[in-house]
Amino acid sequence: MRIFFQEIADLYQEKGDLQYHGENVTQLVHAWQCGQLAKQQGASPELQMAAWLHDIGHLLTGQTGTPTVVGIDDQHQVLGSHYLAQKLPPAVVQPVALHVLAKRYLVSTNRDYQAQLSEDSIRSLALQGGSMTEVECQAFIKMPFSQDAISLRQWDDAGKATRHPMPAQAKMLADFKQLAESLM
């Protein structure tokens, strides 16, 4: 497990400066902010790790630039959850797998939610299926880990702040490794 977490830390060190058009933070800063929000709200270590890793699929796609700008849904939630499922428990993997559905659910059940989304999240929403039907909403909310995915989605939306100075990359990765140690 230690080697797997080191691979993830190396991936963020190598590709964590990736930034999508319309987003004001890098992938590493976004991951760190989401993890911090989960921690501040008393989430379990597993859900904190899911918050950290929910967008890891973006780093695994091999795509450059911003896929949504050219009409591509990179399926990052699928790629990321399959990668994480190699070593991590469902309490980490399933919120990652479901966080896109959680966005679609929130758009469907909260009139004001879509207005909070970033430019890239709005583009990706259209590519990911847009609003859910009532039947889809009912099916989603019954899924195991759907509530965790909703919390994760809210941290995802909030974890794009640029108002505050961010710690250095080394500090962010040290925070990740400390959380990883708590899960081993």
N, C-alpha and C. Protein backbone atom coordinates (compact mmCIF):
# COMPACT_ATOMS: atom_id res chain seq x y z
N MET A 1 0.83 -1.19 0.00
CA MET A 1 0.00 0.00 0.00
C MET A 1 0.88 1.26 0.00
N ARG A 2 1.97 1.23 0.73
CA ARG A 2 2.87 2.39 0.80
C ARG A 2 3.38 2.75 -0.60
N ILE A 3 3.69 1.73 -1.40
CA ILE A 3 4.19 1.97 -2.75
C ILE A 3 3.10 2.61 -3.61
N PHE A 4 1.87 2.16 -3.46
CA PHE A 4 0.75 2.72 -4.21
C PHE A 4 0.57 4.20 -3.88
N PHE A 5 0.60 4.54 -2.60
CA PHE A 5 0.46 5.95 -2.22
C PHE A 5 1.64 6.78 -2.72
N GLN A 6 2.84 6.19 -2.75
CA GLN A 6 3.99 6.91 -3.29
C GLN A 6 3.81 7.15 -4.79
N GLU A 7 3.25 6.17 -5.51
CA GLU A 7 2.96 6.36 -6.94
C GLU A 7 2.01 7.55 -7.13
N ILE A 8 1.01 7.65 -6.28
CA ILE A 8 0.05 8.74 -6.38
C ILE A 8 0.73 10.07 -6.09
N ALA A 9 1.54 10.11 -5.04
CA ALA A 9 2.26 11.35 -4.72
C ALA A 9 3.18 11.75 -5.88
N ASP A 10 3.84 10.76 -6.49
CA ASP A 10 4.72 11.04 -7.63
C ASP A 10 3.90 11.58 -8.81
N LEU A 11 2.71 11.02 -9.02
CA LEU A 11 1.85 11.48 -10.10
C LEU A 11 1.46 12.95 -9.89
N TYR A 12 1.11 13.30 -8.64
CA TYR A 12 0.78 14.71 -8.36
C TYR A 12 2.00 15.61 -8.48
N GLN A 13 3.17 15.09 -8.13
CA GLN A 13 4.38 15.90 -8.27
C GLN A 13 4.68 16.14 -9.75
N GLU A 14 4.46 15.12 -10.57
CA GLU A 14 4.75 15.21 -12.00
C GLU A 14 3.70 16.01 -12.77
N LYS A 15 2.40 15.77 -12.48
CA LYS A 15 1.34 16.35 -13.29
C LYS A 15 0.39 17.27 -12.52
N GLY A 16 0.68 17.51 -11.26
CA GLY A 16 -0.23 18.29 -10.41
C GLY A 16 -0.37 19.74 -10.79
N ASP A 17 0.50 20.24 -11.68
CA ASP A 17 0.38 21.63 -12.10
C ASP A 17 -0.61 21.80 -13.26
N LEU A 18 -1.23 20.71 -13.70
CA LEU A 18 -2.25 20.76 -14.73
C LEU A 18 -3.39 21.67 -14.29
N GLN A 19 -3.80 22.54 -15.19
CA GLN A 19 -4.87 23.49 -14.87
C GLN A 19 -5.78 23.58 -16.08
N TYR A 20 -7.10 23.39 -15.86
CA TYR A 20 -8.05 23.46 -16.95
C TYR A 20 -8.53 24.87 -17.19
N HIS A 21 -8.88 25.13 -18.44
CA HIS A 21 -9.42 26.42 -18.84
C HIS A 21 -10.68 26.72 -18.01
N GLY A 22 -10.68 27.87 -17.36
CA GLY A 22 -11.83 28.25 -16.55
C GLY A 22 -11.68 27.88 -15.08
N GLU A 23 -10.61 27.17 -14.74
CA GLU A 23 -10.34 26.83 -13.34
C GLU A 23 -9.14 27.65 -12.89
N ASN A 24 -9.18 28.15 -11.68
CA ASN A 24 -8.12 29.03 -11.21
C ASN A 24 -7.10 28.35 -10.32
N VAL A 25 -7.20 27.03 -10.20
CA VAL A 25 -6.26 26.30 -9.36
C VAL A 25 -5.71 25.10 -10.14
N THR A 26 -4.55 24.64 -9.71
CA THR A 26 -3.97 23.45 -10.32
C THR A 26 -4.64 22.20 -9.74
N GLN A 27 -4.39 21.07 -10.36
CA GLN A 27 -4.94 19.82 -9.85
C GLN A 27 -4.45 19.53 -8.43
N LEU A 28 -3.18 19.79 -8.14
CA LEU A 28 -2.67 19.54 -6.80
C LEU A 28 -3.31 20.46 -5.78
N VAL A 29 -3.40 21.74 -6.08
CA VAL A 29 -4.02 22.68 -5.15
C VAL A 29 -5.49 22.31 -4.93
N HIS A 30 -6.17 21.94 -6.00
CA HIS A 30 -7.58 21.54 -5.89
C HIS A 30 -7.71 20.30 -5.00
N ALA A 31 -6.86 19.30 -5.22
CA ALA A 31 -6.90 18.08 -4.41
C ALA A 31 -6.65 18.41 -2.94
N TRP A 32 -5.65 19.24 -2.68
CA TRP A 32 -5.31 19.61 -1.30
C TRP A 32 -6.47 20.36 -0.65
N GLN A 33 -7.05 21.34 -1.38
CA GLN A 33 -8.16 22.11 -0.82
C GLN A 33 -9.35 21.20 -0.50
N CYS A 34 -9.66 20.28 -1.40
CA CYS A 34 -10.80 19.37 -1.16
C CYS A 34 -10.53 18.50 0.06
N GLY A 35 -9.32 17.99 0.17
CA GLY A 35 -8.95 17.20 1.33
C GLY A 35 -9.04 17.99 2.63
N GLN A 36 -8.62 19.25 2.58
CA GLN A 36 -8.69 20.10 3.77
C GLN A 36 -10.14 20.39 4.16
N LEU A 37 -10.99 20.63 3.17
CA LEU A 37 -12.42 20.87 3.46
C LEU A 37 -13.05 19.65 4.10
N ALA A 38 -12.72 18.47 3.59
CA ALA A 38 -13.25 17.23 4.17
C ALA A 38 -12.77 17.06 5.61
N LYS A 39 -11.51 17.34 5.84
CA LYS A 39 -10.93 17.23 7.18
C LYS A 39 -11.61 18.22 8.14
N GLN A 40 -11.78 19.46 7.69
CA GLN A 40 -12.40 20.48 8.53
C GLN A 40 -13.84 20.12 8.90
N GLN A 41 -14.51 19.37 8.03
CA GLN A 41 -15.89 18.99 8.31
C GLN A 41 -15.99 17.64 9.02
N GLY A 42 -14.86 17.12 9.46
CA GLY A 42 -14.87 15.90 10.26
C GLY A 42 -15.13 14.62 9.49
N ALA A 43 -14.84 14.62 8.21
CA ALA A 43 -15.04 13.42 7.40
C ALA A 43 -14.08 12.32 7.86
N SER A 44 -14.47 11.09 7.63
CA SER A 44 -13.62 9.95 7.94
C SER A 44 -12.33 10.04 7.13
N PRO A 45 -11.26 9.39 7.56
CA PRO A 45 -10.03 9.38 6.76
C PRO A 45 -10.27 8.86 5.34
N GLU A 46 -11.15 7.88 5.19
CA GLU A 46 -11.43 7.34 3.85
C GLU A 46 -12.09 8.40 2.96
N LEU A 47 -13.04 9.15 3.52
CA LEU A 47 -13.69 10.18 2.73
C LEU A 47 -12.75 11.36 2.47
N GLN A 48 -11.88 11.66 3.42
CA GLN A 48 -10.85 12.67 3.18
C GLN A 48 -9.97 12.25 2.00
N MET A 49 -9.60 10.97 1.96
CA MET A 49 -8.77 10.48 0.87
C MET A 49 -9.54 10.55 -0.45
N ALA A 50 -10.83 10.22 -0.43
CA ALA A 50 -11.65 10.35 -1.64
C ALA A 50 -11.66 11.80 -2.11
N ALA A 51 -11.77 12.73 -1.17
CA ALA A 51 -11.75 14.15 -1.53
C ALA A 51 -10.43 14.52 -2.20
N TRP A 52 -9.36 14.02 -1.64
CA TRP A 52 -8.04 14.26 -2.22
C TRP A 52 -7.95 13.72 -3.65
N LEU A 53 -8.48 12.52 -3.86
CA LEU A 53 -8.20 11.78 -5.10
C LEU A 53 -9.34 11.77 -6.11
N HIS A 54 -10.40 12.52 -5.88
CA HIS A 54 -11.57 12.42 -6.76
C HIS A 54 -11.28 12.77 -8.21
N ASP A 55 -10.30 13.59 -8.48
CA ASP A 55 -9.99 13.98 -9.86
C ASP A 55 -8.71 13.34 -10.40
N ILE A 56 -8.21 12.32 -9.72
CA ILE A 56 -6.96 11.69 -10.17
C ILE A 56 -7.07 11.17 -11.59
N GLY A 57 -8.27 10.80 -11.99
CA GLY A 57 -8.46 10.33 -13.37
C GLY A 57 -8.02 11.34 -14.41
N HIS A 58 -8.14 12.63 -14.11
CA HIS A 58 -7.67 13.66 -15.05
C HIS A 58 -6.17 13.52 -15.29
N LEU A 59 -5.44 13.10 -14.25
CA LEU A 59 -3.99 12.96 -14.38
C LEU A 59 -3.60 11.66 -15.09
N LEU A 60 -4.53 10.74 -15.16
CA LEU A 60 -4.26 9.42 -15.75
C LEU A 60 -4.67 9.32 -17.22
N THR A 61 -5.42 10.29 -17.73
CA THR A 61 -5.96 10.18 -19.09
C THR A 61 -4.91 10.28 -20.17
N GLY A 62 -3.83 11.00 -19.90
CA GLY A 62 -2.83 11.24 -20.93
C GLY A 62 -3.21 12.38 -21.86
N GLN A 63 -4.37 12.98 -21.61
CA GLN A 63 -4.80 14.10 -22.45
C GLN A 63 -4.14 15.39 -21.98
N THR A 64 -3.93 16.28 -22.92
CA THR A 64 -3.37 17.59 -22.59
C THR A 64 -4.45 18.64 -22.80
N GLY A 65 -4.23 19.79 -22.25
CA GLY A 65 -5.20 20.87 -22.40
C GLY A 65 -6.47 20.62 -21.62
N THR A 66 -7.56 21.15 -22.12
CA THR A 66 -8.85 21.05 -21.45
C THR A 66 -9.80 20.26 -22.35
N PRO A 67 -10.03 18.98 -22.04
CA PRO A 67 -10.85 18.14 -22.92
C PRO A 67 -12.25 18.70 -23.19
N THR A 68 -12.87 19.33 -22.19
CA THR A 68 -14.25 19.81 -22.38
C THR A 68 -14.34 20.90 -23.44
N VAL A 69 -13.29 21.67 -23.62
CA VAL A 69 -13.29 22.74 -24.61
C VAL A 69 -13.47 22.19 -26.02
N VAL A 70 -12.99 20.97 -26.24
CA VAL A 70 -13.13 20.34 -27.56
C VAL A 70 -14.21 19.27 -27.55
N GLY A 71 -15.08 19.31 -26.54
CA GLY A 71 -16.23 18.43 -26.49
C GLY A 71 -15.95 17.00 -26.05
N ILE A 72 -14.90 16.81 -25.26
CA ILE A 72 -14.55 15.47 -24.78
C ILE A 72 -14.84 15.34 -23.29
N ASP A 73 -15.59 14.30 -22.94
CA ASP A 73 -15.75 13.90 -21.54
C ASP A 73 -14.68 12.85 -21.29
N ASP A 74 -13.70 13.17 -20.50
CA ASP A 74 -12.57 12.25 -20.30
C ASP A 74 -12.89 11.09 -19.36
N GLN A 75 -14.13 11.03 -18.84
CA GLN A 75 -14.55 9.92 -17.98
C GLN A 75 -13.59 9.74 -16.80
N HIS A 76 -13.12 10.86 -16.26
CA HIS A 76 -12.11 10.80 -15.20
C HIS A 76 -12.58 10.06 -13.96
N GLN A 77 -13.88 10.09 -13.68
CA GLN A 77 -14.40 9.39 -12.51
C GLN A 77 -14.30 7.88 -12.68
N VAL A 78 -14.47 7.40 -13.90
CA VAL A 78 -14.35 5.97 -14.19
C VAL A 78 -12.89 5.55 -14.12
N LEU A 79 -12.05 6.26 -14.84
CA LEU A 79 -10.62 5.95 -14.86
C LEU A 79 -10.02 6.02 -13.46
N GLY A 80 -10.34 7.08 -12.74
CA GLY A 80 -9.80 7.26 -11.39
C GLY A 80 -10.27 6.19 -10.43
N SER A 81 -11.55 5.87 -10.44
CA SER A 81 -12.07 4.86 -9.49
C SER A 81 -11.53 3.48 -9.82
N HIS A 82 -11.35 3.15 -11.09
CA HIS A 82 -10.76 1.85 -11.44
C HIS A 82 -9.32 1.76 -10.97
N TYR A 83 -8.58 2.84 -11.12
CA TYR A 83 -7.19 2.89 -10.66
C TYR A 83 -7.13 2.73 -9.14
N LEU A 84 -7.96 3.47 -8.43
CA LEU A 84 -7.94 3.43 -6.96
C LEU A 84 -8.43 2.09 -6.42
N ALA A 85 -9.33 1.43 -7.15
CA ALA A 85 -9.89 0.15 -6.68
C ALA A 85 -8.84 -0.96 -6.62
N GLN A 86 -7.69 -0.74 -7.24
CA GLN A 86 -6.60 -1.73 -7.15
C GLN A 86 -6.19 -1.98 -5.70
N LYS A 87 -6.23 -0.92 -4.89
CA LYS A 87 -5.66 -1.02 -3.54
C LYS A 87 -6.53 -0.44 -2.43
N LEU A 88 -7.51 0.38 -2.76
CA LEU A 88 -8.23 1.11 -1.73
C LEU A 88 -9.65 0.57 -1.54
N PRO A 89 -10.22 0.78 -0.36
CA PRO A 89 -11.54 0.23 -0.05
C PRO A 89 -12.66 1.03 -0.72
N PRO A 90 -13.85 0.42 -0.79
CA PRO A 90 -15.00 1.11 -1.39
C PRO A 90 -15.31 2.47 -0.76
N ALA A 91 -15.00 2.67 0.51
CA ALA A 91 -15.28 3.95 1.16
C ALA A 91 -14.45 5.09 0.55
N VAL A 92 -13.37 4.76 -0.14
CA VAL A 92 -12.59 5.75 -0.90
C VAL A 92 -13.05 5.75 -2.36
N VAL A 93 -13.14 4.56 -2.92
CA VAL A 93 -13.36 4.41 -4.36
C VAL A 93 -14.76 4.86 -4.79
N GLN A 94 -15.80 4.48 -4.07
CA GLN A 94 -17.16 4.76 -4.53
C GLN A 94 -17.52 6.25 -4.55
N PRO A 95 -17.15 7.04 -3.57
CA PRO A 95 -17.43 8.48 -3.70
C PRO A 95 -16.73 9.09 -4.92
N VAL A 96 -15.52 8.60 -5.23
CA VAL A 96 -14.83 9.07 -6.43
C VAL A 96 -15.62 8.68 -7.68
N ALA A 97 -16.06 7.42 -7.72
CA ALA A 97 -16.82 6.92 -8.86
C ALA A 97 -18.13 7.68 -9.05
N LEU A 98 -18.72 8.14 -7.96
CA LEU A 98 -20.05 8.75 -8.00
C LEU A 98 -20.07 10.28 -8.01
N HIS A 99 -18.91 10.93 -7.93
CA HIS A 99 -18.96 12.39 -7.76
C HIS A 99 -19.51 13.13 -8.98
N VAL A 100 -19.41 12.56 -10.16
CA VAL A 100 -20.02 13.19 -11.34
C VAL A 100 -21.54 13.02 -11.28
N LEU A 101 -22.00 11.84 -10.91
CA LEU A 101 -23.44 11.64 -10.74
C LEU A 101 -23.98 12.56 -9.64
N ALA A 102 -23.18 12.79 -8.61
CA ALA A 102 -23.60 13.70 -7.54
C ALA A 102 -23.80 15.12 -8.08
N LYS A 103 -22.95 15.54 -8.99
CA LYS A 103 -23.12 16.87 -9.60
C LYS A 103 -24.43 16.90 -10.38
N ARG A 104 -24.69 15.88 -11.17
CA ARG A 104 -25.93 15.82 -11.94
C ARG A 104 -27.15 15.80 -11.01
N TYR A 105 -27.03 15.07 -9.90
CA TYR A 105 -28.11 15.00 -8.91
C TYR A 105 -28.36 16.38 -8.30
N LEU A 106 -27.31 17.05 -7.89
CA LEU A 106 -27.46 18.36 -7.26
C LEU A 106 -28.04 19.40 -8.22
N VAL A 107 -27.64 19.34 -9.48
CA VAL A 107 -28.21 20.25 -10.48
C VAL A 107 -29.71 20.00 -10.60
N SER A 108 -30.10 18.73 -10.47
CA SER A 108 -31.51 18.35 -10.64
C SER A 108 -32.37 18.66 -9.43
N THR A 109 -31.78 18.68 -8.26
CA THR A 109 -32.56 18.82 -7.03
C THR A 109 -32.40 20.17 -6.33
N ASN A 110 -31.50 21.00 -6.82
CA ASN A 110 -31.26 22.30 -6.19
C ASN A 110 -31.19 23.36 -7.30
N ARG A 111 -32.21 24.18 -7.38
CA ARG A 111 -32.30 25.18 -8.46
C ARG A 111 -31.09 26.09 -8.54
N ASP A 112 -30.49 26.41 -7.41
CA ASP A 112 -29.39 27.37 -7.38
C ASP A 112 -28.01 26.74 -7.58
N TYR A 113 -27.96 25.44 -7.59
CA TYR A 113 -26.66 24.76 -7.61
C TYR A 113 -25.85 25.04 -8.88
N GLN A 114 -26.47 24.96 -10.03
CA GLN A 114 -25.72 25.11 -11.28
C GLN A 114 -25.03 26.47 -11.37
N ALA A 115 -25.63 27.50 -10.80
CA ALA A 115 -25.03 28.83 -10.84
C ALA A 115 -23.71 28.90 -10.08
N GLN A 116 -23.48 27.95 -9.17
CA GLN A 116 -22.23 27.91 -8.39
C GLN A 116 -21.09 27.23 -9.14
N LEU A 117 -21.41 26.52 -10.20
CA LEU A 117 -20.40 25.71 -10.89
C LEU A 117 -19.42 26.57 -11.66
N SER A 118 -18.20 26.10 -11.74
CA SER A 118 -17.16 26.78 -12.52
C SER A 118 -17.44 26.60 -14.01
N GLU A 119 -16.74 27.35 -14.81
CA GLU A 119 -16.90 27.29 -16.26
C GLU A 119 -16.66 25.87 -16.78
N ASP A 120 -15.59 25.22 -16.32
CA ASP A 120 -15.30 23.87 -16.81
C ASP A 120 -16.33 22.86 -16.29
N SER A 121 -16.82 23.03 -15.07
CA SER A 121 -17.84 22.12 -14.55
C SER A 121 -19.15 22.23 -15.33
N ILE A 122 -19.47 23.42 -15.79
CA ILE A 122 -20.68 23.60 -16.60
C ILE A 122 -20.51 22.90 -17.95
N ARG A 123 -19.34 23.08 -18.57
CA ARG A 123 -19.08 22.40 -19.85
C ARG A 123 -19.14 20.88 -19.67
N SER A 124 -18.48 20.39 -18.61
CA SER A 124 -18.46 18.94 -18.41
C SER A 124 -19.84 18.40 -18.05
N LEU A 125 -20.65 19.17 -17.35
CA LEU A 125 -22.01 18.74 -17.01
C LEU A 125 -22.79 18.36 -18.27
N ALA A 126 -22.71 19.19 -19.29
CA ALA A 126 -23.42 18.89 -20.54
C ALA A 126 -22.91 17.60 -21.16
N LEU A 127 -21.60 17.39 -21.12
CA LEU A 127 -21.01 16.18 -21.69
C LEU A 127 -21.31 14.93 -20.86
N GLN A 128 -21.57 15.12 -19.58
CA GLN A 128 -21.80 14.00 -18.66
C GLN A 128 -23.27 13.61 -18.54
N GLY A 129 -24.14 14.28 -19.28
CA GLY A 129 -25.55 13.89 -19.28
C GLY A 129 -26.50 14.94 -18.75
N GLY A 130 -25.97 16.05 -18.23
CA GLY A 130 -26.84 17.12 -17.74
C GLY A 130 -27.67 16.70 -16.54
N SER A 131 -28.79 17.37 -16.37
CA SER A 131 -29.69 17.08 -15.24
C SER A 131 -30.17 15.64 -15.30
N MET A 132 -30.45 15.11 -14.11
CA MET A 132 -31.04 13.77 -14.00
C MET A 132 -32.56 13.87 -14.06
N THR A 133 -33.17 12.79 -14.51
CA THR A 133 -34.62 12.68 -14.41
C THR A 133 -34.96 12.35 -12.96
N GLU A 134 -36.23 12.43 -12.63
CA GLU A 134 -36.65 12.08 -11.26
C GLU A 134 -36.30 10.63 -10.94
N VAL A 135 -36.48 9.75 -11.90
CA VAL A 135 -36.16 8.33 -11.70
C VAL A 135 -34.66 8.14 -11.46
N GLU A 136 -33.84 8.86 -12.23
CA GLU A 136 -32.39 8.78 -12.03
C GLU A 136 -32.00 9.32 -10.66
N CYS A 137 -32.63 10.40 -10.23
CA CYS A 137 -32.35 10.96 -8.90
C CYS A 137 -32.67 9.95 -7.81
N GLN A 138 -33.82 9.30 -7.92
CA GLN A 138 -34.22 8.31 -6.92
C GLN A 138 -33.26 7.13 -6.91
N ALA A 139 -32.82 6.70 -8.07
CA ALA A 139 -31.86 5.59 -8.14
C ALA A 139 -30.52 5.98 -7.55
N PHE A 140 -30.06 7.20 -7.86
CA PHE A 140 -28.77 7.66 -7.35
C PHE A 140 -28.77 7.72 -5.82
N ILE A 141 -29.77 8.32 -5.24
CA ILE A 141 -29.78 8.55 -3.80
C ILE A 141 -29.84 7.24 -3.02
N LYS A 142 -30.28 6.16 -3.66
CA LYS A 142 -30.32 4.85 -3.01
C LYS A 142 -28.99 4.10 -3.10
N MET A 143 -28.07 4.59 -3.89
CA MET A 143 -26.78 3.91 -4.07
C MET A 143 -25.95 4.02 -2.79
N PRO A 144 -25.23 2.93 -2.46
CA PRO A 144 -24.28 3.05 -1.35
C PRO A 144 -23.27 4.16 -1.66
N PHE A 145 -22.95 4.94 -0.67
CA PHE A 145 -21.97 6.02 -0.74
C PHE A 145 -22.47 7.26 -1.49
N SER A 146 -23.77 7.32 -1.84
CA SER A 146 -24.27 8.50 -2.55
C SER A 146 -24.16 9.75 -1.67
N GLN A 147 -24.44 9.63 -0.38
CA GLN A 147 -24.34 10.80 0.50
C GLN A 147 -22.89 11.27 0.61
N ASP A 148 -21.96 10.32 0.67
CA ASP A 148 -20.54 10.70 0.68
C ASP A 148 -20.16 11.39 -0.63
N ALA A 149 -20.70 10.90 -1.74
CA ALA A 149 -20.41 11.51 -3.04
C ALA A 149 -20.96 12.93 -3.11
N ILE A 150 -22.11 13.17 -2.50
CA ILE A 150 -22.67 14.53 -2.47
C ILE A 150 -21.78 15.45 -1.65
N SER A 151 -21.33 14.98 -0.50
CA SER A 151 -20.40 15.79 0.30
C SER A 151 -19.13 16.07 -0.50
N LEU A 152 -18.60 15.04 -1.12
CA LEU A 152 -17.39 15.18 -1.93
C LEU A 152 -17.61 16.20 -3.04
N ARG A 153 -18.76 16.14 -3.68
CA ARG A 153 -19.06 17.07 -4.77
C ARG A 153 -19.09 18.51 -4.27
N GLN A 154 -19.62 18.72 -3.08
CA GLN A 154 -19.66 20.07 -2.53
C GLN A 154 -18.26 20.58 -2.21
N TRP A 155 -17.40 19.69 -1.71
CA TRP A 155 -16.00 20.09 -1.48
C TRP A 155 -15.31 20.35 -2.81
N ASP A 156 -15.65 19.56 -3.81
CA ASP A 156 -15.09 19.74 -5.15
C ASP A 156 -15.41 21.14 -5.67
N ASP A 157 -16.64 21.56 -5.51
CA ASP A 157 -17.03 22.89 -5.98
C ASP A 157 -16.36 24.01 -5.17
N ALA A 158 -16.22 23.80 -3.88
CA ALA A 158 -15.63 24.82 -3.00
C ALA A 158 -14.11 24.82 -3.05
N GLY A 159 -13.52 23.74 -3.50
CA GLY A 159 -12.06 23.59 -3.48
C GLY A 159 -11.36 24.20 -4.67
N LYS A 160 -11.76 25.40 -5.03
CA LYS A 160 -11.16 26.09 -6.17
C LYS A 160 -10.84 27.53 -5.81
N ALA A 161 -10.57 27.75 -4.53
CA ALA A 161 -10.36 29.11 -4.02
C ALA A 161 -8.96 29.60 -4.35
N THR A 162 -8.89 30.86 -4.70
CA THR A 162 -7.59 31.49 -4.98
C THR A 162 -7.34 32.68 -4.06
N ARG A 163 -8.26 32.91 -3.13
CA ARG A 163 -8.16 34.09 -2.27
C ARG A 163 -7.04 33.98 -1.24
N HIS A 164 -6.73 32.76 -0.83
CA HIS A 164 -5.76 32.57 0.25
C HIS A 164 -4.46 32.02 -0.31
N PRO A 165 -3.35 32.39 0.31
CA PRO A 165 -2.09 31.80 -0.13
C PRO A 165 -2.09 30.29 0.14
N MET A 166 -1.54 29.54 -0.76
CA MET A 166 -1.48 28.09 -0.63
C MET A 166 -0.10 27.69 -0.13
N PRO A 167 -0.04 26.59 0.59
CA PRO A 167 1.28 26.10 1.01
C PRO A 167 2.08 25.62 -0.21
N ALA A 168 3.35 25.42 0.00
CA ALA A 168 4.22 24.92 -1.06
C ALA A 168 3.81 23.50 -1.44
N GLN A 169 4.19 23.09 -2.63
CA GLN A 169 3.88 21.75 -3.13
C GLN A 169 4.35 20.69 -2.14
N ALA A 170 5.53 20.86 -1.59
CA ALA A 170 6.07 19.87 -0.65
C ALA A 170 5.17 19.71 0.57
N LYS A 171 4.62 20.80 1.07
CA LYS A 171 3.72 20.75 2.23
C LYS A 171 2.43 20.04 1.87
N MET A 172 1.88 20.33 0.69
CA MET A 172 0.65 19.66 0.26
C MET A 172 0.87 18.16 0.15
N LEU A 173 1.98 17.76 -0.47
CA LEU A 173 2.26 16.33 -0.62
C LEU A 173 2.55 15.68 0.73
N ALA A 174 3.14 16.42 1.65
CA ALA A 174 3.36 15.89 3.01
C ALA A 174 2.02 15.66 3.71
N ASP A 175 1.07 16.56 3.51
CA ASP A 175 -0.27 16.38 4.08
C ASP A 175 -0.92 15.12 3.50
N PHE A 176 -0.77 14.91 2.19
CA PHE A 176 -1.31 13.71 1.55
C PHE A 176 -0.69 12.45 2.15
N LYS A 177 0.62 12.45 2.29
CA LYS A 177 1.31 11.28 2.82
C LYS A 177 0.92 10.99 4.27
N GLN A 178 0.70 12.05 5.04
CA GLN A 178 0.25 11.87 6.43
C GLN A 178 -1.13 11.21 6.46
N LEU A 179 -2.03 11.65 5.60
CA LEU A 179 -3.34 11.02 5.52
C LEU A 179 -3.22 9.57 5.07
N ALA A 180 -2.36 9.33 4.09
CA ALA A 180 -2.14 7.97 3.60
C ALA A 180 -1.65 7.07 4.73
N GLU A 181 -0.74 7.58 5.55
CA GLU A 181 -0.22 6.79 6.68
C GLU A 181 -1.36 6.40 7.63
N SER A 182 -2.31 7.31 7.83
CA SER A 182 -3.41 7.01 8.74
C SER A 182 -4.32 5.91 8.20
N LEU A 183 -4.31 5.70 6.88
CA LEU A 183 -5.15 4.66 6.27
C LEU A 183 -4.46 3.30 6.19
N MET A 184 -3.16 3.29 6.38
CA MET A 184 -2.42 2.01 6.26
C MET A 184 -2.50 1.20 7.55
